[in-house]
Amino acid sequence: MADLATLQTRLTEAESAYHKLMTGSKTVEVQHGDMRTKYTEAQAGTLLAYIADLRAQIAALGGGVTGLRRRAFSVDLPSY
């Protein structure tokens, strides 16, 4: 397993590639260790699986994960 900094860098690159796919890019490249892999929109699910795996590896090393997850929030509106 790679070190925490390497995994976080890979996660950032993978999330950026996923964003590009979802916003119209036809093909993106992501680095897996020493190899580069091309993904198309049809392979977005595979890229999401890679992102999930990176997140799991980061969590196993005790690192925080940011990105696609959203947190709930509440809004208090004044009553009239």
C-alpha atoms as a PDB file:
ATOM      1  CA  MET A   1       0.000   0.000   0.000  1.00  0.00           C
ATOM      2  CA  ALA A   2       1.171   3.488  -0.814  1.00  0.00           C
ATOM      3  CA  ASP A   3       1.734   6.174   1.795  1.00  0.00           C
ATOM      4  CA  LEU A   4      -1.025   8.566   2.832  1.00  0.00           C
ATOM      5  CA  ALA A   5       0.221  11.545   0.796  1.00  0.00           C
ATOM      6  CA  THR A   6       0.438   9.445  -2.375  1.00  0.00           C
ATOM      7  CA  LEU A   7      -3.068   8.056  -1.862  1.00  0.00           C
ATOM      8  CA  GLN A   8      -4.504  11.531  -1.278  1.00  0.00           C
ATOM      9  CA  THR A   9      -2.827  12.799  -4.450  1.00  0.00           C
ATOM     10  CA  ARG A  10      -4.256   9.878  -6.430  1.00  0.00           C
ATOM     11  CA  LEU A  11      -7.711  10.503  -4.953  1.00  0.00           C
ATOM     12  CA  THR A  12      -7.612  14.174  -5.946  1.00  0.00           C
ATOM     13  CA  GLU A  13      -6.575  13.246  -9.483  1.00  0.00           C
ATOM     14  CA  ALA A  14      -9.258  10.544  -9.758  1.00  0.00           C
ATOM     15  CA  GLU A  15     -12.008  12.852  -8.478  1.00  0.00           C
ATOM     16  CA  SER A  16     -10.905  15.538 -10.909  1.00  0.00           C
ATOM     17  CA  ALA A  17     -10.983  13.028 -13.762  1.00  0.00           C
ATOM     18  CA  TYR A  18     -14.474  11.890 -12.738  1.00  0.00           C
ATOM     19  CA  HIS A  19     -15.654  15.512 -12.691  1.00  0.00           C
ATOM     20  CA  LYS A  20     -14.269  16.034 -16.185  1.00  0.00           C
ATOM     21  CA  LEU A  21     -16.089  12.925 -17.435  1.00  0.00           C
ATOM     22  CA  MET A  22     -19.364  14.083 -15.937  1.00  0.00           C
ATOM     23  CA  THR A  23     -19.022  17.554 -17.433  1.00  0.00           C
ATOM     24  CA  GLY A  24     -18.404  16.490 -20.999  1.00  0.00           C
ATOM     25  CA  SER A  25     -14.877  15.200 -21.516  1.00  0.00           C
ATOM     26  CA  LYS A  26     -14.832  12.166 -23.785  1.00  0.00           C
ATOM     27  CA  THR A  27     -11.760  10.537 -22.223  1.00  0.00           C
ATOM     28  CA  VAL A  28      -9.644  11.167 -19.135  1.00  0.00           C
ATOM     29  CA  GLU A  29      -6.440   9.601 -17.818  1.00  0.00           C
ATOM     30  CA  VAL A  30      -5.718   8.606 -14.218  1.00  0.00           C
ATOM     31  CA  GLN A  31      -2.453   7.344 -12.818  1.00  0.00           C
ATOM     32  CA  HIS A  32      -2.538   4.015 -10.944  1.00  0.00           C
ATOM     33  CA  GLY A  33       0.920   3.687  -9.401  1.00  0.00           C
ATOM     34  CA  ASP A  34       3.327   3.516 -12.328  1.00  0.00           C
ATOM     35  CA  MET A  35       0.601   3.042 -14.944  1.00  0.00           C
ATOM     36  CA  ARG A  36      -1.816   5.477 -16.547  1.00  0.00           C
ATOM     37  CA  THR A  37      -5.322   4.329 -17.383  1.00  0.00           C
ATOM     38  CA  LYS A  38      -7.799   5.962 -19.741  1.00  0.00           C
ATOM     39  CA  TYR A  39     -11.485   6.126 -18.825  1.00  0.00           C
ATOM     40  CA  THR A  40     -14.464   7.019 -20.986  1.00  0.00           C
ATOM     41  CA  GLU A  41     -17.911   8.076 -19.791  1.00  0.00           C
ATOM     42  CA  ALA A  42     -19.058   4.474 -20.209  1.00  0.00           C
ATOM     43  CA  GLN A  43     -16.399   3.436 -17.680  1.00  0.00           C
ATOM     44  CA  ALA A  44     -17.362   6.034 -15.053  1.00  0.00           C
ATOM     45  CA  GLY A  45     -18.523   3.244 -12.725  1.00  0.00           C
ATOM     46  CA  THR A  46     -15.067   1.697 -12.782  1.00  0.00           C
ATOM     47  CA  LEU A  47     -13.543   5.074 -11.976  1.00  0.00           C
ATOM     48  CA  LEU A  48     -15.976   5.485  -9.066  1.00  0.00           C
ATOM     49  CA  ALA A  49     -14.911   2.060  -7.760  1.00  0.00           C
ATOM     50  CA  TYR A  50     -11.273   3.182  -7.916  1.00  0.00           C
ATOM     51  CA  ILE A  51     -12.190   6.353  -5.988  1.00  0.00           C
ATOM     52  CA  ALA A  52     -13.983   4.268  -3.342  1.00  0.00           C
ATOM     53  CA  ASP A  53     -10.949   1.996  -3.032  1.00  0.00           C
ATOM     54  CA  LEU A  54      -8.629   4.974  -2.576  1.00  0.00           C
ATOM     55  CA  ARG A  55     -10.948   6.390   0.098  1.00  0.00           C
ATOM     56  CA  ALA A  56     -10.915   3.052   1.931  1.00  0.00           C
ATOM     57  CA  GLN A  57      -7.111   2.892   1.816  1.00  0.00           C
ATOM     58  CA  ILE A  58      -6.863   6.458   3.125  1.00  0.00           C
ATOM     59  CA  ALA A  59      -9.318   5.709   5.934  1.00  0.00           C
ATOM     60  CA  ALA A  60      -7.335   2.568   6.845  1.00  0.00           C
ATOM     61  CA  LEU A  61      -4.253   4.748   7.276  1.00  0.00           C
ATOM     62  CA  GLY A  62      -6.193   7.158   9.479  1.00  0.00           C
ATOM     63  CA  GLY A  63      -6.395   9.953   6.948  1.00  0.00           C
ATOM     64  CA  GLY A  64      -9.368  12.194   6.352  1.00  0.00           C
ATOM     65  CA  VAL A  65     -11.263  11.993   3.101  1.00  0.00           C
ATOM     66  CA  THR A  66     -12.890  14.916   1.333  1.00  0.00           C
ATOM     67  CA  GLY A  67     -14.689  15.085  -1.949  1.00  0.00           C
ATOM     68  CA  LEU A  68     -17.998  13.717  -3.187  1.00  0.00           C
ATOM     69  CA  ARG A  69     -19.571  13.141   0.219  1.00  0.00           C
ATOM     70  CA  ARG A  70     -21.971  15.784   1.455  1.00  0.00           C
ATOM     71  CA  ARG A  71     -22.931  16.559   5.006  1.00  0.00           C
ATOM     72  CA  ALA A  72     -26.414  17.429   6.148  1.00  0.00           C
ATOM     73  CA  PHE A  73     -27.098  20.881   7.502  1.00  0.00           C
ATOM     74  CA  SER A  74     -30.118  22.645   8.904  1.00  0.00           C
ATOM     75  CA  VAL A  75     -31.431  26.139   8.412  1.00  0.00           C
ATOM     76  CA  ASP A  76     -33.454  27.984  11.029  1.00  0.00           C
ATOM     77  CA  LEU A  77     -35.876  30.403   9.452  1.00  0.00           C
ATOM     78  CA  PRO A  78     -37.498  33.143  11.481  1.00  0.00           C
ATOM     79  CA  SER A  79     -41.207  32.702  12.083  1.00  0.00           C
ATOM     80  CA  TYR A  80     -43.485  35.674  11.484  1.00  0.00           C
END
